[in-house]
Amino acid sequence: MIRPAQFNGVCTPVIRDFTSESLSHDPLHGYIPFIAKSGLPTGEVAEQEIIDHPWVQRLRQIHQLQTARWVFPSAEHTRFPHSLGAMHLASQTMERWYVSLLESCPETPSAGYVHSLVRMAALLHDVGHGPFGHFFDDHFLSQFSLTHEDLGVAVIEQEFAELLKKIRRSPFGALGDDEQLDPAHVAWLIRRPRPDHPQDTDRPLWLRHLRSLFSGIYTVDNMDFVLRDSYMSGYNTRAFDISRLIHYSFFTPAGLTIHPRGLPTLINFIEVRANLFRTIYFHRAVRGLDVALEEIFTESMQQLFPANPLDDLDRYRRFTEFSLMVDVERWGDAADVDLRRLGESWRLLFRRDVAWKVAAERIRYFHAGLSERMTIFSEPEVLLRRVREKMPPESRDANLKIDVARHYHRPSTRLPTGGQNYLFNPATGESRALADSQLFAEVPLSSAVCRIYANDRRHHAAVEAALNTVLGDAGDALTNM
């Protein structure tokens, strides 16, 4: 029987070679060590060469918080420090979890290999992002059936593969003499499980276990962005107890597992992340800016980058949020009437001068047994049409937009990341999947924030009254925010 006490050790200590190690200071994690170029054998690639690569440095020109930074002015951080932070957390977790991974999967490579693998995957997990991050996925890449993860995989395979093969060490240990970092492992880790093939059983078990660092309830990605976005936005300078969460986690043959003593911290993490979505990412003004951005984004992309990025990765590398903002700002002085109109719209957006204001909003939480698919929130345009029908005749032609923002709070076997996390039972030594509603009875499965925006305040009262009529008495299911 596997007992968690066996999983609280760290990797075998190594003598640190400070001649080949440098430090980057981070406001959240303190000093982040990495292997520098100096002092390495000929032909060996340093982590610094990956960090300084144009594809990674490009992340300095893509903001972490998309349009939210225009509402929370101190949140100007980019995806570059987030990627460094995720790389650091990858090593912090492996220092605690490697021994348990090795005991659960005896075929696991050396600690040096695993450290380098997860560090590079964490560093490169956002390398495929475009301007405005996830908004770019939803409103541009989706037409090609792509996500930033698909682009990231292509970038790793085409731009980093040969470099990754020559990485021989991290500050936490060296690869074995007979080991070579596999770029395919790096690329596989950064892509979320697909609904049609969630477990990829053809991959070695140790690698499937490591995927929980990138796809699951608590990952090196979301643990860093919850801390970083909370800190930079001013929401909370110490959002959750990451040390305790890591301390009470370990690997079992089932996968990444948490001891019951760590469960309250995990629940707190889920709640903090949900609050970030509600108060920062889904803030009414932020989503209003997104509504305005959506109006001009598709037409602007036809001018800036009309092709599939996979067909021209070199051009895509040079296409960033900074380059976009410079180009569209110049359009305001263009001779072409249509281009000048677009440029003027962008200038208004940059000044946060948008006409779309919230006329009515509702939030609904979905617990076990209640599905959003069974409510009118699953069909926003139907809801908007019904609202119009209930409005006074003189207001029915009002210019309205509906926005439904969704967030999944806790594990569900229906989600692509389900099956990545487990709960340990000290009495039996067994683990079970963290998808049981009883474990998170107070935490909803998901939530939906529904807002109707109008560009004329004269219609706000009519929209609010009509929405109340359509939804009926809100009761305990619908709440004004």
Protein backbone atom coordinates (compact mmCIF):
# COMPACT_ATOMS: atom_id res chain seq x y z
CA MET A 1 0.00 0.00 0.00
CA ILE A 2 1.40 3.39 -1.00
CA ARG A 3 1.45 5.89 1.82
CA PRO A 4 1.82 9.66 1.30
CA ALA A 5 4.77 9.87 3.69
CA GLN A 6 6.83 8.30 0.94
CA PHE A 7 6.04 11.22 -1.36
CA ASN A 8 7.25 14.10 0.79
CA GLY A 9 10.91 13.82 -0.13
CA VAL A 10 12.80 15.91 -2.67
CA CYS A 11 15.12 15.00 -5.50
CA THR A 12 18.62 13.86 -4.61
CA PRO A 13 20.64 17.01 -3.84
CA VAL A 14 23.06 18.16 -6.52
CA ILE A 15 26.05 20.44 -6.24
CA ARG A 16 25.03 23.74 -7.80
CA ASP A 17 27.33 25.05 -10.52
CA PHE A 18 26.94 28.80 -10.11
CA THR A 19 29.20 29.50 -13.11
CA SER A 20 26.48 28.20 -15.44
CA GLU A 21 23.49 29.50 -13.48
CA SER A 22 21.84 32.91 -13.57
CA LEU A 23 18.90 34.40 -11.72
CA SER A 24 15.85 36.39 -12.75
CA HIS A 25 13.95 38.16 -9.98
CA ASP A 26 10.18 37.89 -9.88
CA PRO A 27 7.85 39.80 -7.51
CA LEU A 28 5.88 36.61 -6.79
CA HIS A 29 8.41 33.81 -6.67
CA GLY A 30 11.60 35.65 -5.76
CA TYR A 31 14.68 34.49 -7.64
CA ILE A 32 14.06 32.21 -10.62
CA PRO A 33 17.23 30.26 -11.53
CA PHE A 34 18.04 29.20 -15.08
CA ILE A 35 21.06 27.82 -16.93
CA ALA A 36 23.05 30.58 -18.63
CA LYS A 37 25.10 30.31 -21.80
CA SER A 38 28.46 30.82 -20.12
CA GLY A 39 30.46 27.85 -18.91
CA LEU A 40 28.65 25.12 -20.83
CA PRO A 41 30.36 22.48 -22.99
CA THR A 42 30.48 23.14 -26.72
CA GLY A 43 27.28 22.08 -28.49
CA GLU A 44 25.11 22.18 -25.39
CA VAL A 45 22.13 24.55 -25.43
CA ALA A 46 21.41 26.60 -22.33
CA GLU A 47 17.95 27.40 -21.01
CA GLN A 48 18.88 31.04 -21.55
CA GLU A 49 18.98 30.44 -25.30
CA ILE A 50 15.37 29.26 -25.18
CA ILE A 51 14.34 32.18 -22.96
CA ASP A 52 16.08 34.68 -25.26
CA HIS A 53 14.71 33.09 -28.44
CA PRO A 54 12.63 35.53 -30.56
CA TRP A 55 9.52 33.36 -30.15
CA VAL A 56 9.72 33.55 -26.36
CA GLN A 57 10.75 37.21 -26.30
CA ARG A 58 7.70 37.87 -28.49
CA LEU A 59 5.59 37.15 -25.40
CA ARG A 60 6.77 40.49 -23.97
CA GLN A 61 4.51 42.05 -26.61
CA ILE A 62 1.35 40.13 -25.71
CA HIS A 63 -0.45 41.23 -22.57
CA GLN A 64 -1.64 38.65 -20.09
CA LEU A 65 -4.97 40.34 -19.39
CA GLN A 66 -6.10 41.32 -22.90
CA THR A 67 -8.65 44.14 -22.47
CA ALA A 68 -8.83 43.83 -18.67
CA ARG A 69 -5.68 45.92 -18.37
CA TRP A 70 -7.70 48.90 -19.66
CA VAL A 71 -9.97 48.56 -16.64
CA PHE A 72 -7.32 47.57 -14.07
CA PRO A 73 -4.48 49.97 -14.92
CA SER A 74 -1.72 48.30 -12.91
CA ALA A 75 -2.25 44.95 -14.67
CA GLU A 76 0.12 45.71 -17.54
CA HIS A 77 2.04 42.45 -17.23
CA THR A 78 2.68 40.31 -20.30
CA ARG A 79 2.80 36.60 -20.98
CA PHE A 80 6.60 36.62 -20.73
CA PRO A 81 6.92 36.88 -16.91
CA HIS A 82 3.99 34.49 -16.59
CA SER A 83 5.87 31.92 -18.68
CA LEU A 84 8.98 32.32 -16.54
CA GLY A 85 6.82 31.94 -13.43
CA ALA A 86 5.21 28.77 -14.79
CA MET A 87 8.68 27.38 -15.57
CA HIS A 88 9.75 28.08 -11.99
CA LEU A 89 6.63 26.44 -10.55
CA ALA A 90 7.28 23.38 -12.71
CA SER A 91 10.56 22.88 -10.87
CA GLN A 92 9.04 23.73 -7.49
CA THR A 93 6.45 21.00 -7.96
CA MET A 94 8.95 18.45 -9.24
CA GLU A 95 11.25 19.04 -6.27
CA ARG A 96 8.37 17.83 -4.10
CA TRP A 97 6.73 15.31 -6.42
CA TYR A 98 9.49 13.55 -8.37
CA VAL A 99 10.09 10.79 -5.80
CA SER A 100 6.40 9.88 -5.82
CA LEU A 101 6.34 9.95 -9.63
CA LEU A 102 9.28 7.56 -9.75
CA GLU A 103 7.72 5.19 -7.22
CA SER A 104 4.38 5.23 -9.06
CA CYS A 105 6.02 4.83 -12.48
CA PRO A 106 9.40 3.04 -12.17
CA GLU A 107 10.10 3.65 -15.86
CA THR A 108 10.22 7.42 -15.24
CA PRO A 109 13.38 9.06 -16.64
CA SER A 110 15.92 10.72 -14.38
CA ALA A 111 15.04 13.71 -12.20
CA GLY A 112 17.22 15.83 -14.48
CA TYR A 113 15.22 14.81 -17.54
CA VAL A 114 11.86 15.40 -15.87
CA HIS A 115 12.92 18.81 -14.55
CA SER A 116 14.12 19.95 -17.98
CA LEU A 117 11.02 18.55 -19.66
CA VAL A 118 8.46 20.28 -17.46
CA ARG A 119 10.48 23.51 -17.33
CA MET A 120 10.62 23.78 -21.11
CA ALA A 121 6.96 22.82 -21.51
CA ALA A 122 5.98 25.49 -18.98
CA LEU A 123 8.20 28.11 -20.58
CA LEU A 124 6.75 27.40 -24.03
CA HIS A 125 3.13 26.67 -23.13
CA ASP A 126 1.94 30.12 -24.33
CA VAL A 127 4.31 30.52 -27.28
CA GLY A 128 1.47 30.20 -29.79
CA HIS A 129 -0.64 33.05 -28.41
CA GLY A 130 -1.66 35.92 -30.69
CA PRO A 131 -2.70 39.52 -29.95
CA PHE A 132 -5.35 39.74 -27.23
CA GLY A 133 -4.71 36.15 -26.18
CA HIS A 134 -7.82 34.02 -25.87
CA PHE A 135 -9.91 36.63 -27.68
CA PHE A 136 -7.67 35.96 -30.70
CA ASP A 137 -8.39 32.24 -30.37
CA ASP A 138 -12.15 32.79 -30.30
CA HIS A 139 -12.42 35.47 -32.96
CA PHE A 140 -9.69 34.56 -35.44
CA LEU A 141 -8.04 31.17 -34.98
CA SER A 142 -11.39 29.41 -34.65
CA GLN A 143 -12.09 29.93 -38.36
CA PHE A 144 -9.13 27.63 -39.06
CA SER A 145 -10.17 25.17 -36.31
CA LEU A 146 -7.03 26.17 -34.41
CA THR A 147 -6.13 27.25 -30.90
CA HIS A 148 -2.98 28.88 -29.58
CA GLU A 149 -1.99 25.42 -28.31
CA ASP A 150 -2.05 24.04 -31.87
CA LEU A 151 0.19 26.89 -32.96
CA GLY A 152 2.42 26.33 -29.95
CA VAL A 153 2.89 22.70 -30.92
CA ALA A 154 3.85 23.74 -34.46
CA VAL A 155 6.31 26.34 -33.16
CA ILE A 156 7.94 23.80 -30.82
CA GLU A 157 8.23 21.20 -33.54
CA GLN A 158 9.51 23.57 -36.23
CA GLU A 159 11.49 26.21 -34.32
CA PHE A 160 12.66 24.62 -31.07
CA ALA A 161 13.06 20.89 -31.70
CA GLU A 162 16.79 20.88 -32.46
CA LEU A 163 17.53 23.30 -29.62
CA LEU A 164 15.56 21.29 -27.10
CA LYS A 165 17.45 18.12 -28.01
CA LYS A 166 20.70 19.82 -26.94
CA ILE A 167 19.54 20.88 -23.49
CA ARG A 168 21.49 18.80 -20.99
CA ARG A 169 20.70 20.34 -17.64
CA SER A 170 18.61 22.65 -15.48
CA PRO A 171 19.57 24.24 -12.15
CA PHE A 172 17.98 21.18 -10.53
CA GLY A 173 20.03 18.47 -12.19
CA ALA A 174 21.47 17.06 -15.42
CA LEU A 175 20.04 14.55 -17.84
CA GLY A 176 21.49 11.06 -17.82
CA ASP A 177 24.30 10.30 -20.26
CA ASP A 178 21.96 8.16 -22.36
CA GLU A 179 19.05 10.64 -22.27
CA GLN A 180 18.02 13.30 -24.77
CA LEU A 181 15.14 15.70 -24.26
CA ASP A 182 12.33 14.74 -26.62
CA PRO A 183 10.62 17.78 -28.24
CA ALA A 184 7.56 15.61 -28.88
CA HIS A 185 7.16 15.22 -25.12
CA VAL A 186 7.29 19.00 -24.69
CA ALA A 187 4.75 19.56 -27.47
CA TRP A 188 2.41 16.87 -26.14
CA LEU A 189 2.35 18.29 -22.62
CA ILE A 190 1.26 21.79 -23.62
CA ARG A 191 -1.83 20.61 -25.53
CA ARG A 192 -4.95 19.88 -23.52
CA PRO A 193 -6.51 16.42 -23.76
CA ARG A 194 -8.90 16.20 -26.66
CA PRO A 195 -12.51 15.19 -25.89
CA ASP A 196 -12.34 12.38 -28.45
CA HIS A 197 -9.06 11.00 -27.08
CA PRO A 198 -8.64 12.39 -23.56
CA GLN A 199 -6.11 9.97 -22.08
CA ASP A 200 -3.76 9.17 -25.01
CA THR A 201 -3.00 5.73 -23.60
CA ASP A 202 -0.27 5.20 -26.18
CA ARG A 203 1.93 7.58 -24.18
CA PRO A 204 4.04 6.28 -21.26
CA LEU A 205 2.27 6.49 -17.92
CA TRP A 206 4.84 8.82 -16.35
CA LEU A 207 4.31 11.31 -19.19
CA ARG A 208 0.52 11.07 -18.85
CA HIS A 209 0.93 11.80 -15.15
CA LEU A 210 3.02 14.88 -15.89
CA ARG A 211 0.24 16.24 -18.07
CA SER A 212 -1.60 17.15 -14.87
CA LEU A 213 0.95 19.96 -14.43
CA PHE A 214 -0.54 21.55 -17.55
CA SER A 215 -4.13 20.26 -17.79
CA GLY A 216 -6.11 19.79 -14.62
CA ILE A 217 -7.59 21.57 -11.64
CA TYR A 218 -4.37 23.15 -10.40
CA THR A 219 -1.52 23.49 -12.88
CA VAL A 220 1.73 25.42 -13.12
CA ASP A 221 -0.11 27.66 -15.59
CA ASN A 222 -3.19 28.52 -13.54
CA MET A 223 -1.40 28.58 -10.19
CA ASP A 224 0.94 31.24 -11.58
CA PHE A 225 -1.71 33.32 -13.33
CA VAL A 226 -4.00 33.31 -10.30
CA LEU A 227 -1.15 34.62 -8.16
CA ARG A 228 0.15 37.01 -10.82
CA ASP A 229 -3.17 38.43 -12.00
CA SER A 230 -4.33 38.85 -8.40
CA TYR A 231 -1.14 40.68 -7.48
CA MET A 232 -0.86 42.87 -10.58
CA SER A 233 -4.53 43.87 -10.63
CA GLY A 234 -4.53 44.70 -6.92
CA TYR A 235 -7.17 42.04 -6.20
CA ASN A 236 -5.03 40.19 -3.65
CA THR A 237 -1.29 40.15 -2.98
CA ARG A 238 -1.34 36.54 -1.71
CA ALA A 239 -4.32 34.95 -3.34
CA PHE A 240 -3.96 31.38 -2.03
CA ASP A 241 -1.52 29.17 -0.12
CA ILE A 242 0.49 27.66 -2.95
CA SER A 243 3.09 26.14 -0.60
CA ARG A 244 0.47 24.11 1.22
CA LEU A 245 -1.17 23.01 -2.02
CA ILE A 246 2.15 21.71 -3.36
CA HIS A 247 3.11 20.17 0.00
CA TYR A 248 0.01 17.98 0.21
CA SER A 249 0.15 16.82 -3.41
CA PHE A 250 1.99 13.80 -4.79
CA PHE A 251 1.74 11.15 -7.48
CA THR A 252 0.13 7.73 -7.10
CA PRO A 253 -0.40 5.15 -9.85
CA ALA A 254 -3.72 6.89 -10.54
CA GLY A 255 -2.11 10.29 -11.19
CA LEU A 256 -1.62 13.60 -9.41
CA THR A 257 -3.21 13.13 -6.00
CA ILE A 258 -3.96 15.40 -3.05
CA HIS A 259 -4.12 14.43 0.60
CA PRO A 260 -7.35 15.37 2.43
CA ARG A 261 -5.36 17.86 4.50
CA GLY A 262 -4.73 19.84 1.34
CA LEU A 263 -8.30 19.74 0.09
CA PRO A 264 -9.43 22.97 1.85
CA THR A 265 -6.54 24.79 0.19
CA LEU A 266 -7.52 23.37 -3.20
CA ILE A 267 -11.12 24.48 -2.68
CA ASN A 268 -9.85 27.94 -1.71
CA PHE A 269 -7.79 28.03 -4.91
CA ILE A 270 -10.86 27.14 -6.99
CA GLU A 271 -12.87 29.86 -5.25
CA VAL A 272 -10.17 32.50 -5.76
CA ARG A 273 -9.84 31.59 -9.43
CA ALA A 274 -13.62 31.83 -9.83
CA ASN A 275 -13.62 35.24 -8.15
CA LEU A 276 -10.93 36.43 -10.55
CA PHE A 277 -13.14 35.46 -13.46
CA ARG A 278 -16.13 37.20 -11.93
CA THR A 279 -14.40 40.39 -10.80
CA ILE A 280 -11.53 40.81 -13.28
CA TYR A 281 -11.83 38.78 -16.48
CA PHE A 282 -15.65 39.02 -16.66
CA HIS A 283 -15.94 42.56 -15.29
CA ARG A 284 -18.81 44.39 -16.99
CA ALA A 285 -16.52 47.08 -18.43
CA VAL A 286 -14.00 44.49 -19.63
CA ARG A 287 -16.67 42.54 -21.47
CA GLY A 288 -18.06 45.82 -22.85
CA LEU A 289 -14.64 46.53 -24.33
CA ASP A 290 -14.65 43.02 -25.79
CA VAL A 291 -18.03 43.73 -27.42
CA ALA A 292 -16.57 46.86 -29.02
CA LEU A 293 -13.40 45.01 -30.04
CA GLU A 294 -15.42 42.23 -31.62
CA GLU A 295 -17.14 44.75 -33.92
CA ILE A 296 -13.88 45.78 -35.58
CA PHE A 297 -11.58 42.81 -35.06
CA THR A 298 -12.57 40.56 -37.97
CA GLU A 299 -12.43 43.38 -40.51
CA SER A 300 -9.10 44.53 -39.10
CA MET A 301 -7.61 41.05 -39.31
CA GLN A 302 -8.46 40.94 -43.01
CA GLN A 303 -6.02 43.82 -43.37
CA LEU A 304 -3.39 42.69 -40.88
CA PHE A 305 -3.17 38.90 -41.12
CA PRO A 306 -5.84 37.27 -43.32
CA ALA A 307 -4.09 33.89 -43.67
CA ASN A 308 -3.78 30.76 -41.57
CA PRO A 309 -0.79 31.36 -39.24
CA LEU A 310 0.37 27.78 -39.75
CA ASP A 311 1.11 28.69 -43.37
CA ASP A 312 3.50 31.51 -42.40
CA LEU A 313 4.89 31.07 -38.90
CA ASP A 314 7.70 33.54 -39.52
CA ARG A 315 5.23 36.29 -40.28
CA TYR A 316 3.11 35.24 -37.31
CA ARG A 317 6.13 35.60 -35.02
CA ARG A 318 6.37 39.25 -35.99
CA PHE A 319 2.65 39.78 -35.49
CA THR A 320 2.09 40.85 -31.88
CA GLU A 321 -0.24 43.00 -29.85
CA PHE A 322 2.28 45.82 -30.06
CA SER A 323 2.60 45.63 -33.84
CA LEU A 324 -1.20 45.49 -34.18
CA MET A 325 -1.69 48.56 -32.01
CA VAL A 326 0.89 50.57 -33.97
CA ASP A 327 -0.62 49.59 -37.32
CA VAL A 328 -4.26 50.27 -36.46
CA GLU A 329 -3.40 53.59 -34.82
CA ARG A 330 -1.93 54.75 -38.14
CA TRP A 331 -5.09 53.82 -39.98
CA GLY A 332 -6.80 56.85 -38.47
CA ASP A 333 -4.80 59.05 -40.88
CA ALA A 334 -5.18 56.80 -43.93
CA ALA A 335 -6.47 58.12 -47.25
CA ASP A 336 -8.70 55.07 -47.70
CA VAL A 337 -12.13 55.82 -46.22
CA ASP A 338 -12.78 52.31 -44.86
CA LEU A 339 -9.31 52.04 -43.34
CA ARG A 340 -9.65 55.48 -41.75
CA ARG A 341 -13.03 54.48 -40.27
CA LEU A 342 -11.46 51.39 -38.73
CA GLY A 343 -8.56 53.46 -37.41
CA GLU A 344 -10.91 55.94 -35.78
CA SER A 345 -12.78 53.07 -34.11
CA TRP A 346 -9.51 51.69 -32.75
CA ARG A 347 -8.55 55.11 -31.40
CA LEU A 348 -11.83 55.31 -29.54
CA LEU A 349 -11.23 51.84 -28.13
CA PHE A 350 -7.73 52.77 -26.95
CA ARG A 351 -9.28 55.73 -25.12
CA ARG A 352 -11.91 53.36 -23.64
CA ASP A 353 -14.48 55.53 -25.34
CA VAL A 354 -17.02 52.82 -26.16
CA ALA A 355 -20.76 53.28 -26.35
CA TRP A 356 -21.67 49.80 -25.09
CA LYS A 357 -22.89 49.93 -21.50
CA VAL A 358 -24.59 47.22 -19.45
CA ALA A 359 -28.35 47.58 -19.53
CA ALA A 360 -29.10 44.40 -17.55
CA GLU A 361 -27.11 41.53 -16.16
CA ARG A 362 -27.69 38.23 -14.40
CA ILE A 363 -25.49 35.44 -13.08
CA ARG A 364 -26.47 31.83 -12.65
CA TYR A 365 -24.56 29.09 -10.86
CA PHE A 366 -24.95 25.52 -12.01
CA HIS A 367 -24.59 22.75 -9.44
CA ALA A 368 -24.66 19.00 -9.99
CA GLY A 369 -27.85 17.93 -11.73
CA LEU A 370 -28.46 21.36 -13.27
CA SER A 371 -27.05 21.92 -16.72
CA GLU A 372 -26.70 25.22 -18.53
CA ARG A 373 -27.75 23.38 -21.67
CA MET A 374 -31.21 23.03 -20.16
CA THR A 375 -31.62 26.80 -19.62
CA ILE A 376 -32.17 29.74 -21.89
CA PHE A 377 -28.61 30.89 -21.18
CA SER A 378 -27.37 28.24 -23.60
CA GLU A 379 -29.02 30.15 -26.47
CA PRO A 380 -28.08 33.84 -26.04
CA GLU A 381 -29.60 35.03 -29.29
CA VAL A 382 -32.93 33.37 -28.42
CA LEU A 383 -32.87 35.13 -25.06
CA LEU A 384 -32.12 38.47 -26.72
CA ARG A 385 -34.95 37.99 -29.23
CA ARG A 386 -37.41 37.27 -26.44
CA VAL A 387 -36.24 40.34 -24.55
CA ARG A 388 -36.88 42.48 -27.63
CA GLU A 389 -40.36 41.04 -27.94
CA LYS A 390 -41.15 42.14 -24.39
CA MET A 391 -39.80 45.66 -24.82
CA PRO A 392 -42.11 48.63 -25.65
CA PRO A 393 -42.66 49.03 -29.41
CA GLU A 394 -40.65 52.25 -29.50
CA SER A 395 -37.56 50.47 -28.07
CA ARG A 396 -37.62 47.18 -29.96
CA ASP A 397 -35.23 48.45 -32.63
CA ALA A 398 -32.64 49.49 -30.04
CA ASN A 399 -29.07 48.50 -30.81
CA LEU A 400 -28.39 45.68 -28.34
CA LYS A 401 -25.69 43.07 -27.83
CA ILE A 402 -25.83 40.04 -25.59
CA ASP A 403 -22.77 38.54 -23.93
CA VAL A 404 -22.69 35.28 -21.96
CA ALA A 405 -19.40 34.60 -20.17
CA ARG A 406 -18.93 31.06 -18.86
CA HIS A 407 -16.54 29.67 -16.27
CA TYR A 408 -16.05 26.07 -15.11
CA HIS A 409 -15.28 26.10 -11.39
CA ARG A 410 -14.43 22.53 -10.43
CA PRO A 411 -13.66 19.10 -11.88
CA SER A 412 -16.19 17.34 -14.01
CA THR A 413 -15.86 14.12 -15.93
CA ARG A 414 -17.53 15.92 -18.86
CA LEU A 415 -14.66 18.38 -19.24
CA PRO A 416 -11.58 17.64 -21.38
CA THR A 417 -9.33 18.06 -18.30
CA GLY A 418 -11.35 15.58 -16.23
CA GLY A 419 -9.44 12.58 -14.89
CA GLN A 420 -6.22 14.51 -14.20
CA ASN A 421 -6.56 14.90 -10.41
CA TYR A 422 -7.23 12.47 -7.55
CA LEU A 423 -7.97 12.45 -3.81
CA PHE A 424 -6.02 10.15 -1.46
CA ASN A 425 -7.82 8.09 1.20
CA PRO A 426 -5.42 7.62 4.15
CA ALA A 427 -7.53 4.77 5.60
CA THR A 428 -7.34 2.56 2.52
CA GLY A 429 -4.31 3.94 0.68
CA GLU A 430 -6.46 4.28 -2.44
CA SER A 431 -7.14 7.27 -4.65
CA ARG A 432 -10.30 8.32 -6.40
CA ALA A 433 -10.91 10.87 -9.12
CA LEU A 434 -11.73 14.41 -8.03
CA ALA A 435 -15.02 14.50 -9.88
CA ASP A 436 -17.37 13.67 -7.01
CA SER A 437 -19.92 16.37 -6.27
CA GLN A 438 -19.83 15.56 -2.56
CA LEU A 439 -16.19 16.67 -2.38
CA PHE A 440 -17.07 20.17 -3.55
CA ALA A 441 -20.65 20.45 -2.34
CA GLU A 442 -20.35 24.22 -1.78
CA VAL A 443 -18.61 24.91 -5.09
CA PRO A 444 -20.75 25.09 -8.25
CA LEU A 445 -19.83 23.13 -11.33
CA SER A 446 -19.96 26.24 -13.49
CA SER A 447 -21.44 29.69 -13.81
CA ALA A 448 -22.72 31.93 -16.58
CA VAL A 449 -22.77 35.71 -16.50
CA CYS A 450 -25.36 37.06 -18.92
CA ARG A 451 -25.29 40.74 -19.85
CA ILE A 452 -27.23 42.75 -22.37
CA TYR A 453 -25.40 45.84 -23.61
CA ALA A 454 -26.98 48.89 -25.24
CA ASN A 455 -25.30 51.87 -26.85
CA ASP A 456 -28.07 54.24 -25.74
CA ARG A 457 -28.84 54.60 -22.02
CA ARG A 458 -32.44 55.55 -22.81
CA HIS A 459 -33.20 51.87 -23.38
CA HIS A 460 -31.67 50.50 -20.16
CA ALA A 461 -34.87 50.53 -18.12
CA ALA A 462 -36.82 48.85 -20.91
CA VAL A 463 -34.19 46.13 -21.27
CA GLU A 464 -34.14 45.46 -17.53
CA ALA A 465 -37.92 45.23 -17.33
CA ALA A 466 -38.12 42.98 -20.39
CA LEU A 467 -35.42 40.65 -19.07
CA ASN A 468 -37.29 40.34 -15.78
CA THR A 469 -40.44 39.42 -17.69
CA VAL A 470 -38.66 36.79 -19.79
CA LEU A 471 -36.92 35.18 -16.86
CA GLY A 472 -39.81 35.54 -14.48
CA ASP A 473 -39.17 35.77 -10.79
CA ALA A 474 -35.41 35.28 -10.38
CA GLY A 475 -35.87 33.48 -7.05
CA ASP A 476 -32.78 31.74 -5.75
CA ALA A 477 -31.33 30.83 -9.15
CA LEU A 478 -30.71 34.27 -10.66
CA THR A 479 -28.95 37.09 -8.90
CA ASN A 480 -28.26 40.68 -9.85
CA MET A 481 -24.56 41.40 -9.73
